[in-house]
Amino acid sequence: MAVSLRSVFAGATLAAAGTCLAAPAVVYDLGGKFDKSFNEAAYRGAERFKQETGQTYLDFEIANATQREQAMRRMAERGANPIVGVGFSQGSSVEKSAKAFPKIQFAIIDFVVDLPNVQSVTFKEQEGSFLVGMMAALASKTGKVGFIGGMDIPLIRRFQCGYEQGAKYANPKVEVSSAMTGTTPAAWGDPARGGELAKAQFARGVDVVFAAAGGTGVGVYQAAKDGGKLAIGVDSNQNHLHPGTMLTSMVKRVDVAVYGAFKGVKPGVTSLGLKEGGVDYALDEHNAKLVTPAIKSKVDAAKADIIAGKIQVADYMANNACKY
């Protein structure tokens, strides 16, 4: 296991836990490292580093927003290096901490901090969402697909916009219903609300739904299973949660980003899309029967065209609107 920084806040020392001063560190965002989605992908990257190198690392799961900067500063004070902040909400904390500790390397996922000791890792979520949008439209029997986002922010609108483009690329007549869970960070951890939103879409004829909502998505997937509909996971490969009703997952390789940062921070902006292997759709034994050869062929052809630049997927965050 990683060494938890909760002991720091309780007044204990990291040395007592057997931690060396040069250990890398990661601060997870709200939802915890076992959210089965975004944070858990980061956790897997940290664990991969530990398994391959034999080195330990520090981690902390925040319970509220004020702990983000606290955790980073405490890690820096104890000599942790590098320190990775998971999620756009940690942008300010990383910036302040990186300025206060210029000799320590930092990395931030899903946000850009322009400092000489910070690597900013962003993803082209619209490209992966385009592919699962295609799959949703091709698998739908009603011609109606849905999207449920977590916190209503431009980043999640990027998922939504890419998904809509892919769905309409596969079926120009498809109807896309969309809903956001909320406008505060609590939107990432509300499975009950996710289930309610999914059921509302199913009642309107939607038979495939994509959830980009962190832990809230768990409720969406359960509702799809209970209603005999299909769901699409996000960030981590979530196909295994409900084999038979999980059409696929839009995989976002946060694990690769964390692992890479632990191995060595590269200051500047790193943007990961289909070409770089940063996003993709998931195909395994849990959804193989749902993804027909015809669906796979069409999606893989589109994937190749996106990588080659033949298909340009519009980026919501570049336009502040879904223009395509």
Protein backbone atom coordinates (compact mmCIF):
# COMPACT_ATOMS: atom_id res chain seq x y z
CA MET A 1 0.00 0.00 0.00
CA ALA A 2 1.00 3.64 -0.41
CA VAL A 3 1.84 5.66 2.66
CA SER A 4 -1.15 7.85 3.50
CA LEU A 5 -0.65 11.47 4.42
CA ARG A 6 -3.56 11.29 6.83
CA SER A 7 -0.93 10.54 9.45
CA VAL A 8 0.60 13.94 8.75
CA PHE A 9 -2.60 15.74 9.56
CA ALA A 10 -2.92 13.66 12.72
CA GLY A 11 0.50 14.87 13.85
CA ALA A 12 2.47 11.69 13.16
CA THR A 13 5.65 11.67 11.10
CA LEU A 14 6.17 10.14 7.71
CA ALA A 15 9.51 8.76 8.87
CA ALA A 16 7.67 6.59 11.37
CA ALA A 17 5.84 4.97 8.48
CA GLY A 18 9.15 4.12 6.85
CA THR A 19 8.93 6.66 4.03
CA CYS A 20 12.07 7.92 2.36
CA LEU A 21 12.35 11.63 1.70
CA ALA A 22 12.56 11.30 -2.09
CA ALA A 23 9.26 9.46 -2.50
CA PRO A 24 6.90 10.75 -5.19
CA ALA A 25 3.41 11.76 -4.11
CA VAL A 26 -0.12 12.03 -5.47
CA VAL A 27 -3.12 14.00 -4.22
CA TYR A 28 -6.43 12.53 -5.38
CA ASP A 29 -9.46 14.72 -5.91
CA LEU A 30 -12.89 14.39 -4.32
CA GLY A 31 -14.39 10.93 -4.70
CA GLY A 32 -11.38 9.02 -3.41
CA LYS A 33 -8.86 6.75 -5.07
CA PHE A 34 -11.35 3.89 -5.32
CA ASP A 35 -14.04 5.80 -7.24
CA LYS A 36 -13.83 3.15 -10.02
CA SER A 37 -13.15 6.01 -12.45
CA PHE A 38 -10.83 9.03 -12.67
CA ASN A 39 -9.03 8.87 -9.32
CA GLU A 40 -8.72 5.10 -9.48
CA ALA A 41 -6.95 5.38 -12.82
CA ALA A 42 -4.41 7.66 -11.13
CA TYR A 43 -4.04 5.15 -8.31
CA ARG A 44 -3.29 2.37 -10.79
CA GLY A 45 -0.53 4.48 -12.31
CA ALA A 46 1.03 5.05 -8.90
CA GLU A 47 0.78 1.36 -8.08
CA ARG A 48 2.39 0.42 -11.38
CA PHE A 49 5.32 2.68 -10.49
CA LYS A 50 5.62 1.01 -7.08
CA GLN A 51 5.48 -2.50 -8.50
CA GLU A 52 8.03 -1.84 -11.24
CA THR A 53 10.53 0.15 -9.20
CA GLY A 54 10.05 -1.24 -5.71
CA GLN A 55 9.79 2.33 -4.43
CA THR A 56 7.00 3.54 -2.19
CA TYR A 57 4.98 6.71 -2.71
CA LEU A 58 2.82 9.07 -0.69
CA ASP A 59 -0.87 9.68 -1.35
CA PHE A 60 -3.76 11.59 0.12
CA GLU A 61 -7.51 11.48 -0.48
CA ILE A 62 -9.02 14.88 0.21
CA ALA A 63 -12.28 15.16 2.13
CA ASN A 64 -12.79 18.84 1.31
CA ALA A 65 -11.31 21.48 -0.97
CA THR A 66 -9.17 23.14 1.72
CA GLN A 67 -7.03 20.03 2.04
CA ARG A 68 -5.65 20.20 -1.50
CA GLU A 69 -3.04 22.87 -0.85
CA GLN A 70 -2.42 21.63 2.70
CA ALA A 71 -1.57 18.17 1.46
CA MET A 72 0.76 19.41 -1.26
CA ARG A 73 2.62 21.72 1.09
CA ARG A 74 3.03 19.01 3.72
CA MET A 75 4.34 16.61 1.08
CA ALA A 76 6.78 19.23 -0.19
CA GLU A 77 7.93 20.03 3.33
CA ARG A 78 8.74 16.35 3.88
CA GLY A 79 10.76 16.22 0.67
CA ALA A 80 8.32 14.38 -1.61
CA ASN A 81 9.33 14.79 -5.24
CA PRO A 82 7.59 14.87 -7.68
CA ILE A 83 4.10 15.75 -6.46
CA VAL A 84 1.10 15.05 -8.71
CA GLY A 85 -2.29 16.79 -8.39
CA VAL A 86 -5.14 14.79 -9.92
CA GLY A 87 -7.89 16.90 -11.49
CA PHE A 88 -8.47 20.44 -12.73
CA SER A 89 -9.63 21.55 -9.26
CA GLN A 90 -6.06 21.19 -8.02
CA GLY A 91 -4.70 23.74 -10.46
CA SER A 92 -4.53 26.60 -7.97
CA SER A 93 -2.99 24.40 -5.26
CA VAL A 94 -0.31 23.13 -7.63
CA GLU A 95 0.49 26.65 -8.81
CA LYS A 96 0.85 28.02 -5.27
CA SER A 97 2.86 25.05 -4.08
CA ALA A 98 5.14 25.04 -7.12
CA LYS A 99 5.93 28.71 -6.56
CA ALA A 100 6.61 28.12 -2.87
CA PHE A 101 8.86 25.11 -3.56
CA PRO A 102 10.66 25.89 -6.85
CA LYS A 103 13.18 23.06 -6.42
CA ILE A 104 10.43 20.42 -6.29
CA GLN A 105 8.80 19.07 -9.45
CA PHE A 106 5.01 19.04 -9.76
CA ALA A 107 2.51 17.65 -12.27
CA ILE A 108 -1.16 18.52 -12.74
CA ILE A 109 -3.76 16.43 -14.57
CA ASP A 110 -6.46 18.19 -16.63
CA PHE A 111 -5.20 21.73 -16.08
CA VAL A 112 -2.38 23.95 -17.30
CA VAL A 113 0.01 25.63 -14.86
CA ASP A 114 2.70 27.61 -16.65
CA LEU A 115 5.69 27.30 -14.33
CA PRO A 116 9.20 25.92 -14.98
CA ASN A 117 8.82 23.12 -12.42
CA VAL A 118 5.35 21.93 -13.50
CA GLN A 119 4.22 19.43 -16.11
CA SER A 120 0.62 19.96 -17.22
CA VAL A 121 -1.03 16.85 -18.65
CA THR A 122 -4.22 17.32 -20.66
CA PHE A 123 -6.22 14.89 -22.75
CA LYS A 124 -8.16 15.10 -26.00
CA GLU A 125 -11.31 13.71 -24.42
CA GLN A 126 -13.32 14.74 -27.45
CA GLU A 127 -11.52 12.16 -29.59
CA GLY A 128 -12.24 9.20 -27.34
CA SER A 129 -15.79 10.43 -26.77
CA PHE A 130 -16.30 10.60 -30.54
CA LEU A 131 -15.56 6.88 -30.81
CA VAL A 132 -17.93 5.83 -28.01
CA GLY A 133 -20.56 8.18 -29.45
CA MET A 134 -20.31 6.24 -32.69
CA MET A 135 -20.67 2.98 -30.79
CA ALA A 136 -23.72 4.25 -28.94
CA ALA A 137 -25.48 5.30 -32.14
CA LEU A 138 -24.57 2.07 -33.95
CA ALA A 139 -25.75 -0.10 -31.04
CA SER A 140 -28.95 1.84 -30.35
CA LYS A 141 -32.20 0.25 -31.47
CA THR A 142 -34.30 3.36 -30.82
CA GLY A 143 -32.09 5.95 -32.46
CA LYS A 144 -31.92 7.78 -29.12
CA VAL A 145 -28.77 7.95 -26.99
CA GLY A 146 -27.95 9.83 -23.81
CA PHE A 147 -25.13 11.62 -22.01
CA ILE A 148 -24.87 12.29 -18.29
CA GLY A 149 -22.10 14.53 -17.04
CA GLY A 150 -20.87 15.17 -13.53
CA MET A 151 -20.05 18.75 -12.58
CA ASP A 152 -21.10 21.17 -15.32
CA ILE A 153 -17.73 22.51 -16.42
CA PRO A 154 -16.11 23.04 -19.85
CA LEU A 155 -14.06 19.86 -19.48
CA ILE A 156 -17.19 17.71 -19.19
CA ARG A 157 -18.81 19.64 -22.02
CA ARG A 158 -15.80 18.52 -24.07
CA PHE A 159 -16.80 14.88 -23.46
CA GLN A 160 -20.41 15.69 -24.33
CA CYS A 161 -19.51 17.52 -27.53
CA GLY A 162 -17.23 14.75 -28.77
CA TYR A 163 -19.85 12.12 -27.97
CA GLU A 164 -22.53 14.03 -29.86
CA GLN A 165 -20.26 14.42 -32.90
CA GLY A 166 -19.47 10.71 -32.98
CA ALA A 167 -23.10 9.71 -32.59
CA LYS A 168 -24.19 11.95 -35.45
CA TYR A 169 -21.26 10.85 -37.61
CA ALA A 170 -22.51 7.27 -37.29
CA ASN A 171 -26.20 8.17 -37.61
CA PRO A 172 -27.10 11.71 -38.70
CA LYS A 173 -30.67 11.18 -37.50
CA VAL A 174 -29.77 10.07 -33.97
CA GLU A 175 -31.28 12.02 -31.05
CA VAL A 176 -28.88 12.88 -28.21
CA SER A 177 -30.24 13.72 -24.74
CA SER A 178 -27.91 15.34 -22.22
CA ALA A 179 -27.97 16.15 -18.52
CA MET A 180 -25.46 17.35 -15.93
CA THR A 181 -25.53 16.15 -12.34
CA GLY A 182 -24.77 19.50 -10.71
CA THR A 183 -22.60 22.60 -10.51
CA THR A 184 -20.50 21.77 -7.44
CA PRO A 185 -17.85 19.10 -6.75
CA ALA A 186 -20.54 17.01 -5.04
CA ALA A 187 -21.70 16.13 -8.58
CA TRP A 188 -18.82 13.64 -8.84
CA GLY A 189 -20.06 11.43 -6.01
CA ASP A 190 -23.84 11.12 -6.28
CA PRO A 191 -24.75 7.69 -7.70
CA ALA A 192 -28.39 8.07 -6.64
CA ARG A 193 -28.76 11.22 -8.71
CA GLY A 194 -26.96 9.57 -11.61
CA GLY A 195 -29.46 6.73 -11.53
CA GLU A 196 -32.39 9.16 -11.51
CA LEU A 197 -31.06 11.06 -14.52
CA ALA A 198 -30.48 7.82 -16.42
CA LYS A 199 -33.99 6.54 -15.70
CA ALA A 200 -35.44 9.84 -16.93
CA GLN A 201 -33.59 9.44 -20.22
CA PHE A 202 -34.62 5.81 -20.56
CA ALA A 203 -38.24 6.89 -20.09
CA ARG A 204 -37.84 9.12 -23.16
CA GLY A 205 -36.64 6.24 -25.32
CA VAL A 206 -32.87 6.40 -24.79
CA ASP A 207 -31.34 2.93 -24.82
CA VAL A 208 -27.60 3.74 -24.59
CA VAL A 209 -26.15 6.25 -22.12
CA PHE A 210 -22.60 7.57 -21.64
CA ALA A 211 -21.70 8.81 -18.16
CA ALA A 212 -18.73 11.17 -17.70
CA ALA A 213 -19.43 11.76 -14.04
CA GLY A 214 -16.84 10.10 -11.82
CA GLY A 215 -18.40 8.09 -9.01
CA THR A 216 -21.86 9.31 -10.00
CA GLY A 217 -21.59 7.10 -13.05
CA VAL A 218 -21.89 4.00 -10.89
CA GLY A 219 -25.58 4.84 -10.42
CA VAL A 220 -26.01 5.32 -14.15
CA TYR A 221 -24.54 1.92 -14.91
CA GLN A 222 -26.72 0.24 -12.31
CA ALA A 223 -29.83 1.89 -13.73
CA ALA A 224 -28.90 0.67 -17.20
CA LYS A 225 -28.47 -2.87 -15.93
CA ASP A 226 -31.77 -2.75 -14.05
CA GLY A 227 -33.58 -1.35 -17.08
CA GLY A 228 -32.07 -3.65 -19.65
CA LYS A 229 -30.28 -0.74 -21.39
CA LEU A 230 -26.66 -0.17 -22.34
CA ALA A 231 -24.18 2.11 -20.62
CA ILE A 232 -20.73 3.45 -21.45
CA GLY A 233 -18.08 3.92 -18.78
CA VAL A 234 -15.40 6.58 -18.52
CA ASP A 235 -11.77 7.18 -17.57
CA SER A 236 -11.04 3.64 -16.27
CA ASN A 237 -12.14 0.53 -18.13
CA GLN A 238 -15.45 -0.06 -16.35
CA ASN A 239 -16.70 -2.87 -18.59
CA HIS A 240 -16.34 -5.36 -15.76
CA LEU A 241 -18.84 -3.56 -13.50
CA HIS A 242 -21.87 -4.97 -15.33
CA PRO A 243 -20.83 -7.40 -18.08
CA GLY A 244 -23.53 -7.61 -20.70
CA THR A 245 -24.87 -4.07 -20.30
CA MET A 246 -21.62 -2.06 -20.45
CA LEU A 247 -21.23 -1.39 -24.15
CA THR A 248 -17.70 -0.01 -23.69
CA SER A 249 -15.72 2.56 -21.74
CA MET A 250 -14.02 5.73 -22.92
CA VAL A 251 -10.61 5.07 -21.45
CA LYS A 252 -8.58 8.09 -20.39
CA ARG A 253 -5.06 7.04 -19.47
CA VAL A 254 -4.64 9.02 -16.28
CA ASP A 255 -2.65 6.02 -15.06
CA VAL A 256 -0.07 6.58 -17.80
CA ALA A 257 0.14 10.28 -16.91
CA VAL A 258 0.77 9.60 -13.21
CA TYR A 259 3.22 6.79 -13.91
CA GLY A 260 5.11 9.01 -16.33
CA ALA A 261 5.25 11.91 -13.89
CA PHE A 262 6.53 9.62 -11.13
CA LYS A 263 9.29 8.45 -13.48
CA GLY A 264 10.24 12.03 -14.29
CA VAL A 265 8.39 15.32 -14.72
CA LYS A 266 8.78 17.03 -18.08
CA PRO A 267 7.88 20.72 -17.57
CA GLY A 268 5.47 22.16 -20.10
CA VAL A 269 2.19 20.94 -21.56
CA THR A 270 1.67 17.31 -22.59
CA SER A 271 -1.54 16.67 -24.57
CA LEU A 272 -2.63 13.06 -25.03
CA GLY A 273 -5.13 11.97 -27.66
CA LEU A 274 -5.77 8.90 -29.81
CA LYS A 275 -2.44 9.24 -31.58
CA GLU A 276 -0.54 9.26 -28.30
CA GLY A 277 -2.58 6.45 -26.77
CA GLY A 278 -4.02 8.82 -24.19
CA VAL A 279 -7.68 8.03 -24.94
CA ASP A 280 -9.47 5.11 -26.58
CA TYR A 281 -12.46 2.80 -26.29
CA ALA A 282 -12.23 -0.42 -24.28
CA LEU A 283 -12.83 -3.85 -25.74
CA ASP A 284 -12.41 -6.98 -23.61
CA GLU A 285 -14.13 -10.22 -22.63
CA HIS A 286 -16.83 -8.31 -20.75
CA ASN A 287 -18.23 -6.47 -23.79
CA ALA A 288 -16.98 -8.52 -26.74
CA LYS A 289 -20.47 -9.88 -27.47
CA LEU A 290 -21.96 -6.37 -27.53
CA VAL A 291 -19.45 -4.88 -29.98
CA THR A 292 -20.22 -6.54 -33.30
CA PRO A 293 -17.59 -6.86 -36.03
CA ALA A 294 -19.49 -4.23 -38.03
CA ILE A 295 -19.40 -1.73 -35.14
CA LYS A 296 -15.73 -2.38 -34.48
CA SER A 297 -14.83 -2.01 -38.14
CA LYS A 298 -16.57 1.36 -38.46
CA VAL A 299 -15.18 2.71 -35.20
CA ASP A 300 -11.63 1.57 -35.94
CA ALA A 301 -11.83 3.20 -39.38
CA ALA A 302 -12.89 6.48 -37.79
CA LYS A 303 -10.14 6.15 -35.19
CA ALA A 304 -7.56 5.80 -37.96
CA ASP A 305 -9.01 8.82 -39.76
CA ILE A 306 -8.84 10.95 -36.61
CA ILE A 307 -5.22 9.97 -36.06
CA ALA A 308 -4.45 10.73 -39.72
CA GLY A 309 -6.20 14.10 -39.50
CA LYS A 310 -8.93 13.15 -41.97
CA ILE A 311 -11.60 13.63 -39.29
CA GLN A 312 -11.33 16.76 -37.19
CA VAL A 313 -13.16 16.45 -33.88
CA ALA A 314 -14.24 19.85 -32.58
CA ASP A 315 -13.02 20.77 -29.10
CA TYR A 316 -15.62 22.45 -26.88
CA MET A 317 -12.88 24.05 -24.79
CA ALA A 318 -11.37 25.71 -27.85
CA ASN A 319 -14.68 27.26 -28.91
CA ASN A 320 -16.55 27.44 -25.59
CA ALA A 321 -19.35 25.89 -27.60
CA CYS A 322 -20.03 22.64 -29.43
CA LYS A 323 -19.39 23.89 -32.96
CA TYR A 324 -18.74 21.33 -35.68
